[in-house]
Amino acid sequence: VKYRRGNAQGNPLEAVDFRKQRRI
């Protein structure tokens, strides 16, 4: 689950990069 208040930090879905996927 990724949350962002607004678009300033980018779309929350983009935060699940390859490294995060590998850890999960």
PDBML (XML) file of the C-alpha atoms, coordinates in Angstrom:
<?xml version="1.0" encoding="UTF-8" ?>
<PDBx:datablock datablockName="MODEL"
   xmlns:PDBx="http://pdbml.pdb.org/schema/pdbx-v50.xsd"
   xmlns:xsi="http://www.w3.org/2001/XMLSchema-instance"
   xsi:schemaLocation="http://pdbml.pdb.org/schema/pdbx-v50.xsd pdbx-v50.xsd">
   <PDBx:atom_siteCategory>
      <PDBx:atom_site id="1">
         <PDBx:B_iso_or_equiv>0.00</PDBx:B_iso_or_equiv>
         <PDBx:Cartn_x>0.000</PDBx:Cartn_x>
         <PDBx:Cartn_y>0.000</PDBx:Cartn_y>
         <PDBx:Cartn_z>0.000</PDBx:Cartn_z>
         <PDBx:auth_asym_id>A</PDBx:auth_asym_id>
         <PDBx:auth_atom_id>CA</PDBx:auth_atom_id>
         <PDBx:auth_comp_id>VAL</PDBx:auth_comp_id>
         <PDBx:auth_seq_id>1</PDBx:auth_seq_id>
         <PDBx:group_PDB>ATOM</PDBx:group_PDB>
         <PDBx:label_alt_id xsi:nil="true" />
         <PDBx:label_asym_id>A</PDBx:label_asym_id>
         <PDBx:label_atom_id>CA</PDBx:label_atom_id>
         <PDBx:label_comp_id>VAL</PDBx:label_comp_id>
         <PDBx:label_entity_id>1</PDBx:label_entity_id>
         <PDBx:label_seq_id>1</PDBx:label_seq_id>
         <PDBx:occupancy>1.00</PDBx:occupancy>
         <PDBx:pdbx_PDB_model_num>1</PDBx:pdbx_PDB_model_num>
         <PDBx:type_symbol>C</PDBx:type_symbol>
      </PDBx:atom_site>
      <PDBx:atom_site id="2">
         <PDBx:B_iso_or_equiv>0.00</PDBx:B_iso_or_equiv>
         <PDBx:Cartn_x>1.379</PDBx:Cartn_x>
         <PDBx:Cartn_y>3.395</PDBx:Cartn_y>
         <PDBx:Cartn_z>-1.008</PDBx:Cartn_z>
         <PDBx:auth_asym_id>A</PDBx:auth_asym_id>
         <PDBx:auth_atom_id>CA</PDBx:auth_atom_id>
         <PDBx:auth_comp_id>LYS</PDBx:auth_comp_id>
         <PDBx:auth_seq_id>2</PDBx:auth_seq_id>
         <PDBx:group_PDB>ATOM</PDBx:group_PDB>
         <PDBx:label_alt_id xsi:nil="true" />
         <PDBx:label_asym_id>A</PDBx:label_asym_id>
         <PDBx:label_atom_id>CA</PDBx:label_atom_id>
         <PDBx:label_comp_id>LYS</PDBx:label_comp_id>
         <PDBx:label_entity_id>1</PDBx:label_entity_id>
         <PDBx:label_seq_id>2</PDBx:label_seq_id>
         <PDBx:occupancy>1.00</PDBx:occupancy>
         <PDBx:pdbx_PDB_model_num>1</PDBx:pdbx_PDB_model_num>
         <PDBx:type_symbol>C</PDBx:type_symbol>
      </PDBx:atom_site>
      <PDBx:atom_site id="3">
         <PDBx:B_iso_or_equiv>0.00</PDBx:B_iso_or_equiv>
         <PDBx:Cartn_x>-0.195</PDBx:Cartn_x>
         <PDBx:Cartn_y>6.735</PDBx:Cartn_y>
         <PDBx:Cartn_z>-0.166</PDBx:Cartn_z>
         <PDBx:auth_asym_id>A</PDBx:auth_asym_id>
         <PDBx:auth_atom_id>CA</PDBx:auth_atom_id>
         <PDBx:auth_comp_id>TYR</PDBx:auth_comp_id>
         <PDBx:auth_seq_id>3</PDBx:auth_seq_id>
         <PDBx:group_PDB>ATOM</PDBx:group_PDB>
         <PDBx:label_alt_id xsi:nil="true" />
         <PDBx:label_asym_id>A</PDBx:label_asym_id>
         <PDBx:label_atom_id>CA</PDBx:label_atom_id>
         <PDBx:label_comp_id>TYR</PDBx:label_comp_id>
         <PDBx:label_entity_id>1</PDBx:label_entity_id>
         <PDBx:label_seq_id>3</PDBx:label_seq_id>
         <PDBx:occupancy>1.00</PDBx:occupancy>
         <PDBx:pdbx_PDB_model_num>1</PDBx:pdbx_PDB_model_num>
         <PDBx:type_symbol>C</PDBx:type_symbol>
      </PDBx:atom_site>
      <PDBx:atom_site id="4">
         <PDBx:B_iso_or_equiv>0.00</PDBx:B_iso_or_equiv>
         <PDBx:Cartn_x>0.476</PDBx:Cartn_x>
         <PDBx:Cartn_y>10.236</PDBx:Cartn_y>
         <PDBx:Cartn_z>-1.454</PDBx:Cartn_z>
         <PDBx:auth_asym_id>A</PDBx:auth_asym_id>
         <PDBx:auth_atom_id>CA</PDBx:auth_atom_id>
         <PDBx:auth_comp_id>ARG</PDBx:auth_comp_id>
         <PDBx:auth_seq_id>4</PDBx:auth_seq_id>
         <PDBx:group_PDB>ATOM</PDBx:group_PDB>
         <PDBx:label_alt_id xsi:nil="true" />
         <PDBx:label_asym_id>A</PDBx:label_asym_id>
         <PDBx:label_atom_id>CA</PDBx:label_atom_id>
         <PDBx:label_comp_id>ARG</PDBx:label_comp_id>
         <PDBx:label_entity_id>1</PDBx:label_entity_id>
         <PDBx:label_seq_id>4</PDBx:label_seq_id>
         <PDBx:occupancy>1.00</PDBx:occupancy>
         <PDBx:pdbx_PDB_model_num>1</PDBx:pdbx_PDB_model_num>
         <PDBx:type_symbol>C</PDBx:type_symbol>
      </PDBx:atom_site>
      <PDBx:atom_site id="5">
         <PDBx:B_iso_or_equiv>0.00</PDBx:B_iso_or_equiv>
         <PDBx:Cartn_x>-1.444</PDBx:Cartn_x>
         <PDBx:Cartn_y>13.335</PDBx:Cartn_y>
         <PDBx:Cartn_z>-0.470</PDBx:Cartn_z>
         <PDBx:auth_asym_id>A</PDBx:auth_asym_id>
         <PDBx:auth_atom_id>CA</PDBx:auth_atom_id>
         <PDBx:auth_comp_id>ARG</PDBx:auth_comp_id>
         <PDBx:auth_seq_id>5</PDBx:auth_seq_id>
         <PDBx:group_PDB>ATOM</PDBx:group_PDB>
         <PDBx:label_alt_id xsi:nil="true" />
         <PDBx:label_asym_id>A</PDBx:label_asym_id>
         <PDBx:label_atom_id>CA</PDBx:label_atom_id>
         <PDBx:label_comp_id>ARG</PDBx:label_comp_id>
         <PDBx:label_entity_id>1</PDBx:label_entity_id>
         <PDBx:label_seq_id>5</PDBx:label_seq_id>
         <PDBx:occupancy>1.00</PDBx:occupancy>
         <PDBx:pdbx_PDB_model_num>1</PDBx:pdbx_PDB_model_num>
         <PDBx:type_symbol>C</PDBx:type_symbol>
      </PDBx:atom_site>
      <PDBx:atom_site id="6">
         <PDBx:B_iso_or_equiv>0.00</PDBx:B_iso_or_equiv>
         <PDBx:Cartn_x>-0.940</PDBx:Cartn_x>
         <PDBx:Cartn_y>14.817</PDBx:Cartn_y>
         <PDBx:Cartn_z>-3.925</PDBx:Cartn_z>
         <PDBx:auth_asym_id>A</PDBx:auth_asym_id>
         <PDBx:auth_atom_id>CA</PDBx:auth_atom_id>
         <PDBx:auth_comp_id>GLY</PDBx:auth_comp_id>
         <PDBx:auth_seq_id>6</PDBx:auth_seq_id>
         <PDBx:group_PDB>ATOM</PDBx:group_PDB>
         <PDBx:label_alt_id xsi:nil="true" />
         <PDBx:label_asym_id>A</PDBx:label_asym_id>
         <PDBx:label_atom_id>CA</PDBx:label_atom_id>
         <PDBx:label_comp_id>GLY</PDBx:label_comp_id>
         <PDBx:label_entity_id>1</PDBx:label_entity_id>
         <PDBx:label_seq_id>6</PDBx:label_seq_id>
         <PDBx:occupancy>1.00</PDBx:occupancy>
         <PDBx:pdbx_PDB_model_num>1</PDBx:pdbx_PDB_model_num>
         <PDBx:type_symbol>C</PDBx:type_symbol>
      </PDBx:atom_site>
      <PDBx:atom_site id="7">
         <PDBx:B_iso_or_equiv>0.00</PDBx:B_iso_or_equiv>
         <PDBx:Cartn_x>1.095</PDBx:Cartn_x>
         <PDBx:Cartn_y>14.498</PDBx:Cartn_y>
         <PDBx:Cartn_z>-7.122</PDBx:Cartn_z>
         <PDBx:auth_asym_id>A</PDBx:auth_asym_id>
         <PDBx:auth_atom_id>CA</PDBx:auth_atom_id>
         <PDBx:auth_comp_id>ASN</PDBx:auth_comp_id>
         <PDBx:auth_seq_id>7</PDBx:auth_seq_id>
         <PDBx:group_PDB>ATOM</PDBx:group_PDB>
         <PDBx:label_alt_id xsi:nil="true" />
         <PDBx:label_asym_id>A</PDBx:label_asym_id>
         <PDBx:label_atom_id>CA</PDBx:label_atom_id>
         <PDBx:label_comp_id>ASN</PDBx:label_comp_id>
         <PDBx:label_entity_id>1</PDBx:label_entity_id>
         <PDBx:label_seq_id>7</PDBx:label_seq_id>
         <PDBx:occupancy>1.00</PDBx:occupancy>
         <PDBx:pdbx_PDB_model_num>1</PDBx:pdbx_PDB_model_num>
         <PDBx:type_symbol>C</PDBx:type_symbol>
      </PDBx:atom_site>
      <PDBx:atom_site id="8">
         <PDBx:B_iso_or_equiv>0.00</PDBx:B_iso_or_equiv>
         <PDBx:Cartn_x>4.079</PDBx:Cartn_x>
         <PDBx:Cartn_y>16.530</PDBx:Cartn_y>
         <PDBx:Cartn_z>-5.837</PDBx:Cartn_z>
         <PDBx:auth_asym_id>A</PDBx:auth_asym_id>
         <PDBx:auth_atom_id>CA</PDBx:auth_atom_id>
         <PDBx:auth_comp_id>ALA</PDBx:auth_comp_id>
         <PDBx:auth_seq_id>8</PDBx:auth_seq_id>
         <PDBx:group_PDB>ATOM</PDBx:group_PDB>
         <PDBx:label_alt_id xsi:nil="true" />
         <PDBx:label_asym_id>A</PDBx:label_asym_id>
         <PDBx:label_atom_id>CA</PDBx:label_atom_id>
         <PDBx:label_comp_id>ALA</PDBx:label_comp_id>
         <PDBx:label_entity_id>1</PDBx:label_entity_id>
         <PDBx:label_seq_id>8</PDBx:label_seq_id>
         <PDBx:occupancy>1.00</PDBx:occupancy>
         <PDBx:pdbx_PDB_model_num>1</PDBx:pdbx_PDB_model_num>
         <PDBx:type_symbol>C</PDBx:type_symbol>
      </PDBx:atom_site>
      <PDBx:atom_site id="9">
         <PDBx:B_iso_or_equiv>0.00</PDBx:B_iso_or_equiv>
         <PDBx:Cartn_x>5.992</PDBx:Cartn_x>
         <PDBx:Cartn_y>13.353</PDBx:Cartn_y>
         <PDBx:Cartn_z>-4.934</PDBx:Cartn_z>
         <PDBx:auth_asym_id>A</PDBx:auth_asym_id>
         <PDBx:auth_atom_id>CA</PDBx:auth_atom_id>
         <PDBx:auth_comp_id>GLN</PDBx:auth_comp_id>
         <PDBx:auth_seq_id>9</PDBx:auth_seq_id>
         <PDBx:group_PDB>ATOM</PDBx:group_PDB>
         <PDBx:label_alt_id xsi:nil="true" />
         <PDBx:label_asym_id>A</PDBx:label_asym_id>
         <PDBx:label_atom_id>CA</PDBx:label_atom_id>
         <PDBx:label_comp_id>GLN</PDBx:label_comp_id>
         <PDBx:label_entity_id>1</PDBx:label_entity_id>
         <PDBx:label_seq_id>9</PDBx:label_seq_id>
         <PDBx:occupancy>1.00</PDBx:occupancy>
         <PDBx:pdbx_PDB_model_num>1</PDBx:pdbx_PDB_model_num>
         <PDBx:type_symbol>C</PDBx:type_symbol>
      </PDBx:atom_site>
      <PDBx:atom_site id="10">
         <PDBx:B_iso_or_equiv>0.00</PDBx:B_iso_or_equiv>
         <PDBx:Cartn_x>4.695</PDBx:Cartn_x>
         <PDBx:Cartn_y>11.436</PDBx:Cartn_y>
         <PDBx:Cartn_z>-7.933</PDBx:Cartn_z>
         <PDBx:auth_asym_id>A</PDBx:auth_asym_id>
         <PDBx:auth_atom_id>CA</PDBx:auth_atom_id>
         <PDBx:auth_comp_id>GLY</PDBx:auth_comp_id>
         <PDBx:auth_seq_id>10</PDBx:auth_seq_id>
         <PDBx:group_PDB>ATOM</PDBx:group_PDB>
         <PDBx:label_alt_id xsi:nil="true" />
         <PDBx:label_asym_id>A</PDBx:label_asym_id>
         <PDBx:label_atom_id>CA</PDBx:label_atom_id>
         <PDBx:label_comp_id>GLY</PDBx:label_comp_id>
         <PDBx:label_entity_id>1</PDBx:label_entity_id>
         <PDBx:label_seq_id>10</PDBx:label_seq_id>
         <PDBx:occupancy>1.00</PDBx:occupancy>
         <PDBx:pdbx_PDB_model_num>1</PDBx:pdbx_PDB_model_num>
         <PDBx:type_symbol>C</PDBx:type_symbol>
      </PDBx:atom_site>
      <PDBx:atom_site id="11">
         <PDBx:B_iso_or_equiv>0.00</PDBx:B_iso_or_equiv>
         <PDBx:Cartn_x>2.072</PDBx:Cartn_x>
         <PDBx:Cartn_y>8.767</PDBx:Cartn_y>
         <PDBx:Cartn_z>-8.248</PDBx:Cartn_z>
         <PDBx:auth_asym_id>A</PDBx:auth_asym_id>
         <PDBx:auth_atom_id>CA</PDBx:auth_atom_id>
         <PDBx:auth_comp_id>ASN</PDBx:auth_comp_id>
         <PDBx:auth_seq_id>11</PDBx:auth_seq_id>
         <PDBx:group_PDB>ATOM</PDBx:group_PDB>
         <PDBx:label_alt_id xsi:nil="true" />
         <PDBx:label_asym_id>A</PDBx:label_asym_id>
         <PDBx:label_atom_id>CA</PDBx:label_atom_id>
         <PDBx:label_comp_id>ASN</PDBx:label_comp_id>
         <PDBx:label_entity_id>1</PDBx:label_entity_id>
         <PDBx:label_seq_id>11</PDBx:label_seq_id>
         <PDBx:occupancy>1.00</PDBx:occupancy>
         <PDBx:pdbx_PDB_model_num>1</PDBx:pdbx_PDB_model_num>
         <PDBx:type_symbol>C</PDBx:type_symbol>
      </PDBx:atom_site>
      <PDBx:atom_site id="12">
         <PDBx:B_iso_or_equiv>0.00</PDBx:B_iso_or_equiv>
         <PDBx:Cartn_x>2.126</PDBx:Cartn_x>
         <PDBx:Cartn_y>6.342</PDBx:Cartn_y>
         <PDBx:Cartn_z>-5.316</PDBx:Cartn_z>
         <PDBx:auth_asym_id>A</PDBx:auth_asym_id>
         <PDBx:auth_atom_id>CA</PDBx:auth_atom_id>
         <PDBx:auth_comp_id>PRO</PDBx:auth_comp_id>
         <PDBx:auth_seq_id>12</PDBx:auth_seq_id>
         <PDBx:group_PDB>ATOM</PDBx:group_PDB>
         <PDBx:label_alt_id xsi:nil="true" />
         <PDBx:label_asym_id>A</PDBx:label_asym_id>
         <PDBx:label_atom_id>CA</PDBx:label_atom_id>
         <PDBx:label_comp_id>PRO</PDBx:label_comp_id>
         <PDBx:label_entity_id>1</PDBx:label_entity_id>
         <PDBx:label_seq_id>12</PDBx:label_seq_id>
         <PDBx:occupancy>1.00</PDBx:occupancy>
         <PDBx:pdbx_PDB_model_num>1</PDBx:pdbx_PDB_model_num>
         <PDBx:type_symbol>C</PDBx:type_symbol>
      </PDBx:atom_site>
      <PDBx:atom_site id="13">
         <PDBx:B_iso_or_equiv>0.00</PDBx:B_iso_or_equiv>
         <PDBx:Cartn_x>2.124</PDBx:Cartn_x>
         <PDBx:Cartn_y>3.361</PDBx:Cartn_y>
         <PDBx:Cartn_z>-7.683</PDBx:Cartn_z>
         <PDBx:auth_asym_id>A</PDBx:auth_asym_id>
         <PDBx:auth_atom_id>CA</PDBx:auth_atom_id>
         <PDBx:auth_comp_id>LEU</PDBx:auth_comp_id>
         <PDBx:auth_seq_id>13</PDBx:auth_seq_id>
         <PDBx:group_PDB>ATOM</PDBx:group_PDB>
         <PDBx:label_alt_id xsi:nil="true" />
         <PDBx:label_asym_id>A</PDBx:label_asym_id>
         <PDBx:label_atom_id>CA</PDBx:label_atom_id>
         <PDBx:label_comp_id>LEU</PDBx:label_comp_id>
         <PDBx:label_entity_id>1</PDBx:label_entity_id>
         <PDBx:label_seq_id>13</PDBx:label_seq_id>
         <PDBx:occupancy>1.00</PDBx:occupancy>
         <PDBx:pdbx_PDB_model_num>1</PDBx:pdbx_PDB_model_num>
         <PDBx:type_symbol>C</PDBx:type_symbol>
      </PDBx:atom_site>
      <PDBx:atom_site id="14">
         <PDBx:B_iso_or_equiv>0.00</PDBx:B_iso_or_equiv>
         <PDBx:Cartn_x>5.493</PDBx:Cartn_x>
         <PDBx:Cartn_y>4.490</PDBx:Cartn_y>
         <PDBx:Cartn_z>-9.074</PDBx:Cartn_z>
         <PDBx:auth_asym_id>A</PDBx:auth_asym_id>
         <PDBx:auth_atom_id>CA</PDBx:auth_atom_id>
         <PDBx:auth_comp_id>GLU</PDBx:auth_comp_id>
         <PDBx:auth_seq_id>14</PDBx:auth_seq_id>
         <PDBx:group_PDB>ATOM</PDBx:group_PDB>
         <PDBx:label_alt_id xsi:nil="true" />
         <PDBx:label_asym_id>A</PDBx:label_asym_id>
         <PDBx:label_atom_id>CA</PDBx:label_atom_id>
         <PDBx:label_comp_id>GLU</PDBx:label_comp_id>
         <PDBx:label_entity_id>1</PDBx:label_entity_id>
         <PDBx:label_seq_id>14</PDBx:label_seq_id>
         <PDBx:occupancy>1.00</PDBx:occupancy>
         <PDBx:pdbx_PDB_model_num>1</PDBx:pdbx_PDB_model_num>
         <PDBx:type_symbol>C</PDBx:type_symbol>
      </PDBx:atom_site>
      <PDBx:atom_site id="15">
         <PDBx:B_iso_or_equiv>0.00</PDBx:B_iso_or_equiv>
         <PDBx:Cartn_x>7.058</PDBx:Cartn_x>
         <PDBx:Cartn_y>4.099</PDBx:Cartn_y>
         <PDBx:Cartn_z>-5.616</PDBx:Cartn_z>
         <PDBx:auth_asym_id>A</PDBx:auth_asym_id>
         <PDBx:auth_atom_id>CA</PDBx:auth_atom_id>
         <PDBx:auth_comp_id>ALA</PDBx:auth_comp_id>
         <PDBx:auth_seq_id>15</PDBx:auth_seq_id>
         <PDBx:group_PDB>ATOM</PDBx:group_PDB>
         <PDBx:label_alt_id xsi:nil="true" />
         <PDBx:label_asym_id>A</PDBx:label_asym_id>
         <PDBx:label_atom_id>CA</PDBx:label_atom_id>
         <PDBx:label_comp_id>ALA</PDBx:label_comp_id>
         <PDBx:label_entity_id>1</PDBx:label_entity_id>
         <PDBx:label_seq_id>15</PDBx:label_seq_id>
         <PDBx:occupancy>1.00</PDBx:occupancy>
         <PDBx:pdbx_PDB_model_num>1</PDBx:pdbx_PDB_model_num>
         <PDBx:type_symbol>C</PDBx:type_symbol>
      </PDBx:atom_site>
      <PDBx:atom_site id="16">
         <PDBx:B_iso_or_equiv>0.00</PDBx:B_iso_or_equiv>
         <PDBx:Cartn_x>6.980</PDBx:Cartn_x>
         <PDBx:Cartn_y>0.305</PDBx:Cartn_y>
         <PDBx:Cartn_z>-5.889</PDBx:Cartn_z>
         <PDBx:auth_asym_id>A</PDBx:auth_asym_id>
         <PDBx:auth_atom_id>CA</PDBx:auth_atom_id>
         <PDBx:auth_comp_id>VAL</PDBx:auth_comp_id>
         <PDBx:auth_seq_id>16</PDBx:auth_seq_id>
         <PDBx:group_PDB>ATOM</PDBx:group_PDB>
         <PDBx:label_alt_id xsi:nil="true" />
         <PDBx:label_asym_id>A</PDBx:label_asym_id>
         <PDBx:label_atom_id>CA</PDBx:label_atom_id>
         <PDBx:label_comp_id>VAL</PDBx:label_comp_id>
         <PDBx:label_entity_id>1</PDBx:label_entity_id>
         <PDBx:label_seq_id>16</PDBx:label_seq_id>
         <PDBx:occupancy>1.00</PDBx:occupancy>
         <PDBx:pdbx_PDB_model_num>1</PDBx:pdbx_PDB_model_num>
         <PDBx:type_symbol>C</PDBx:type_symbol>
      </PDBx:atom_site>
      <PDBx:atom_site id="17">
         <PDBx:B_iso_or_equiv>0.00</PDBx:B_iso_or_equiv>
         <PDBx:Cartn_x>10.173</PDBx:Cartn_x>
         <PDBx:Cartn_y>-0.053</PDBx:Cartn_y>
         <PDBx:Cartn_z>-7.902</PDBx:Cartn_z>
         <PDBx:auth_asym_id>A</PDBx:auth_asym_id>
         <PDBx:auth_atom_id>CA</PDBx:auth_atom_id>
         <PDBx:auth_comp_id>ASP</PDBx:auth_comp_id>
         <PDBx:auth_seq_id>17</PDBx:auth_seq_id>
         <PDBx:group_PDB>ATOM</PDBx:group_PDB>
         <PDBx:label_alt_id xsi:nil="true" />
         <PDBx:label_asym_id>A</PDBx:label_asym_id>
         <PDBx:label_atom_id>CA</PDBx:label_atom_id>
         <PDBx:label_comp_id>ASP</PDBx:label_comp_id>
         <PDBx:label_entity_id>1</PDBx:label_entity_id>
         <PDBx:label_seq_id>17</PDBx:label_seq_id>
         <PDBx:occupancy>1.00</PDBx:occupancy>
         <PDBx:pdbx_PDB_model_num>1</PDBx:pdbx_PDB_model_num>
         <PDBx:type_symbol>C</PDBx:type_symbol>
      </PDBx:atom_site>
      <PDBx:atom_site id="18">
         <PDBx:B_iso_or_equiv>0.00</PDBx:B_iso_or_equiv>
         <PDBx:Cartn_x>12.111</PDBx:Cartn_x>
         <PDBx:Cartn_y>-3.209</PDBx:Cartn_y>
         <PDBx:Cartn_z>-8.730</PDBx:Cartn_z>
         <PDBx:auth_asym_id>A</PDBx:auth_asym_id>
         <PDBx:auth_atom_id>CA</PDBx:auth_atom_id>
         <PDBx:auth_comp_id>PHE</PDBx:auth_comp_id>
         <PDBx:auth_seq_id>18</PDBx:auth_seq_id>
         <PDBx:group_PDB>ATOM</PDBx:group_PDB>
         <PDBx:label_alt_id xsi:nil="true" />
         <PDBx:label_asym_id>A</PDBx:label_asym_id>
         <PDBx:label_atom_id>CA</PDBx:label_atom_id>
         <PDBx:label_comp_id>PHE</PDBx:label_comp_id>
         <PDBx:label_entity_id>1</PDBx:label_entity_id>
         <PDBx:label_seq_id>18</PDBx:label_seq_id>
         <PDBx:occupancy>1.00</PDBx:occupancy>
         <PDBx:pdbx_PDB_model_num>1</PDBx:pdbx_PDB_model_num>
         <PDBx:type_symbol>C</PDBx:type_symbol>
      </PDBx:atom_site>
      <PDBx:atom_site id="19">
         <PDBx:B_iso_or_equiv>0.00</PDBx:B_iso_or_equiv>
         <PDBx:Cartn_x>14.080</PDBx:Cartn_x>
         <PDBx:Cartn_y>-3.139</PDBx:Cartn_y>
         <PDBx:Cartn_z>-5.479</PDBx:Cartn_z>
         <PDBx:auth_asym_id>A</PDBx:auth_asym_id>
         <PDBx:auth_atom_id>CA</PDBx:auth_atom_id>
         <PDBx:auth_comp_id>ARG</PDBx:auth_comp_id>
         <PDBx:auth_seq_id>19</PDBx:auth_seq_id>
         <PDBx:group_PDB>ATOM</PDBx:group_PDB>
         <PDBx:label_alt_id xsi:nil="true" />
         <PDBx:label_asym_id>A</PDBx:label_asym_id>
         <PDBx:label_atom_id>CA</PDBx:label_atom_id>
         <PDBx:label_comp_id>ARG</PDBx:label_comp_id>
         <PDBx:label_entity_id>1</PDBx:label_entity_id>
         <PDBx:label_seq_id>19</PDBx:label_seq_id>
         <PDBx:occupancy>1.00</PDBx:occupancy>
         <PDBx:pdbx_PDB_model_num>1</PDBx:pdbx_PDB_model_num>
         <PDBx:type_symbol>C</PDBx:type_symbol>
      </PDBx:atom_site>
      <PDBx:atom_site id="20">
         <PDBx:B_iso_or_equiv>0.00</PDBx:B_iso_or_equiv>
         <PDBx:Cartn_x>10.886</PDBx:Cartn_x>
         <PDBx:Cartn_y>-2.846</PDBx:Cartn_y>
         <PDBx:Cartn_z>-3.417</PDBx:Cartn_z>
         <PDBx:auth_asym_id>A</PDBx:auth_asym_id>
         <PDBx:auth_atom_id>CA</PDBx:auth_atom_id>
         <PDBx:auth_comp_id>LYS</PDBx:auth_comp_id>
         <PDBx:auth_seq_id>20</PDBx:auth_seq_id>
         <PDBx:group_PDB>ATOM</PDBx:group_PDB>
         <PDBx:label_alt_id xsi:nil="true" />
         <PDBx:label_asym_id>A</PDBx:label_asym_id>
         <PDBx:label_atom_id>CA</PDBx:label_atom_id>
         <PDBx:label_comp_id>LYS</PDBx:label_comp_id>
         <PDBx:label_entity_id>1</PDBx:label_entity_id>
         <PDBx:label_seq_id>20</PDBx:label_seq_id>
         <PDBx:occupancy>1.00</PDBx:occupancy>
         <PDBx:pdbx_PDB_model_num>1</PDBx:pdbx_PDB_model_num>
         <PDBx:type_symbol>C</PDBx:type_symbol>
      </PDBx:atom_site>
      <PDBx:atom_site id="21">
         <PDBx:B_iso_or_equiv>0.00</PDBx:B_iso_or_equiv>
         <PDBx:Cartn_x>9.289</PDBx:Cartn_x>
         <PDBx:Cartn_y>-5.641</PDBx:Cartn_y>
         <PDBx:Cartn_z>-5.453</PDBx:Cartn_z>
         <PDBx:auth_asym_id>A</PDBx:auth_asym_id>
         <PDBx:auth_atom_id>CA</PDBx:auth_atom_id>
         <PDBx:auth_comp_id>GLN</PDBx:auth_comp_id>
         <PDBx:auth_seq_id>21</PDBx:auth_seq_id>
         <PDBx:group_PDB>ATOM</PDBx:group_PDB>
         <PDBx:label_alt_id xsi:nil="true" />
         <PDBx:label_asym_id>A</PDBx:label_asym_id>
         <PDBx:label_atom_id>CA</PDBx:label_atom_id>
         <PDBx:label_comp_id>GLN</PDBx:label_comp_id>
         <PDBx:label_entity_id>1</PDBx:label_entity_id>
         <PDBx:label_seq_id>21</PDBx:label_seq_id>
         <PDBx:occupancy>1.00</PDBx:occupancy>
         <PDBx:pdbx_PDB_model_num>1</PDBx:pdbx_PDB_model_num>
         <PDBx:type_symbol>C</PDBx:type_symbol>
      </PDBx:atom_site>
      <PDBx:atom_site id="22">
         <PDBx:B_iso_or_equiv>0.00</PDBx:B_iso_or_equiv>
         <PDBx:Cartn_x>12.286</PDBx:Cartn_x>
         <PDBx:Cartn_y>-7.876</PDBx:Cartn_y>
         <PDBx:Cartn_z>-4.751</PDBx:Cartn_z>
         <PDBx:auth_asym_id>A</PDBx:auth_asym_id>
         <PDBx:auth_atom_id>CA</PDBx:auth_atom_id>
         <PDBx:auth_comp_id>ARG</PDBx:auth_comp_id>
         <PDBx:auth_seq_id>22</PDBx:auth_seq_id>
         <PDBx:group_PDB>ATOM</PDBx:group_PDB>
         <PDBx:label_alt_id xsi:nil="true" />
         <PDBx:label_asym_id>A</PDBx:label_asym_id>
         <PDBx:label_atom_id>CA</PDBx:label_atom_id>
         <PDBx:label_comp_id>ARG</PDBx:label_comp_id>
         <PDBx:label_entity_id>1</PDBx:label_entity_id>
         <PDBx:label_seq_id>22</PDBx:label_seq_id>
         <PDBx:occupancy>1.00</PDBx:occupancy>
         <PDBx:pdbx_PDB_model_num>1</PDBx:pdbx_PDB_model_num>
         <PDBx:type_symbol>C</PDBx:type_symbol>
      </PDBx:atom_site>
      <PDBx:atom_site id="23">
         <PDBx:B_iso_or_equiv>0.00</PDBx:B_iso_or_equiv>
         <PDBx:Cartn_x>12.050</PDBx:Cartn_x>
         <PDBx:Cartn_y>-7.232</PDBx:Cartn_y>
         <PDBx:Cartn_z>-1.017</PDBx:Cartn_z>
         <PDBx:auth_asym_id>A</PDBx:auth_asym_id>
         <PDBx:auth_atom_id>CA</PDBx:auth_atom_id>
         <PDBx:auth_comp_id>ARG</PDBx:auth_comp_id>
         <PDBx:auth_seq_id>23</PDBx:auth_seq_id>
         <PDBx:group_PDB>ATOM</PDBx:group_PDB>
         <PDBx:label_alt_id xsi:nil="true" />
         <PDBx:label_asym_id>A</PDBx:label_asym_id>
         <PDBx:label_atom_id>CA</PDBx:label_atom_id>
         <PDBx:label_comp_id>ARG</PDBx:label_comp_id>
         <PDBx:label_entity_id>1</PDBx:label_entity_id>
         <PDBx:label_seq_id>23</PDBx:label_seq_id>
         <PDBx:occupancy>1.00</PDBx:occupancy>
         <PDBx:pdbx_PDB_model_num>1</PDBx:pdbx_PDB_model_num>
         <PDBx:type_symbol>C</PDBx:type_symbol>
      </PDBx:atom_site>
      <PDBx:atom_site id="24">
         <PDBx:B_iso_or_equiv>0.00</PDBx:B_iso_or_equiv>
         <PDBx:Cartn_x>8.325</PDBx:Cartn_x>
         <PDBx:Cartn_y>-8.001</PDBx:Cartn_y>
         <PDBx:Cartn_z>-0.985</PDBx:Cartn_z>
         <PDBx:auth_asym_id>A</PDBx:auth_asym_id>
         <PDBx:auth_atom_id>CA</PDBx:auth_atom_id>
         <PDBx:auth_comp_id>ILE</PDBx:auth_comp_id>
         <PDBx:auth_seq_id>24</PDBx:auth_seq_id>
         <PDBx:group_PDB>ATOM</PDBx:group_PDB>
         <PDBx:label_alt_id xsi:nil="true" />
         <PDBx:label_asym_id>A</PDBx:label_asym_id>
         <PDBx:label_atom_id>CA</PDBx:label_atom_id>
         <PDBx:label_comp_id>ILE</PDBx:label_comp_id>
         <PDBx:label_entity_id>1</PDBx:label_entity_id>
         <PDBx:label_seq_id>24</PDBx:label_seq_id>
         <PDBx:occupancy>1.00</PDBx:occupancy>
         <PDBx:pdbx_PDB_model_num>1</PDBx:pdbx_PDB_model_num>
         <PDBx:type_symbol>C</PDBx:type_symbol>
      </PDBx:atom_site>
   </PDBx:atom_siteCategory>
</PDBx:datablock>
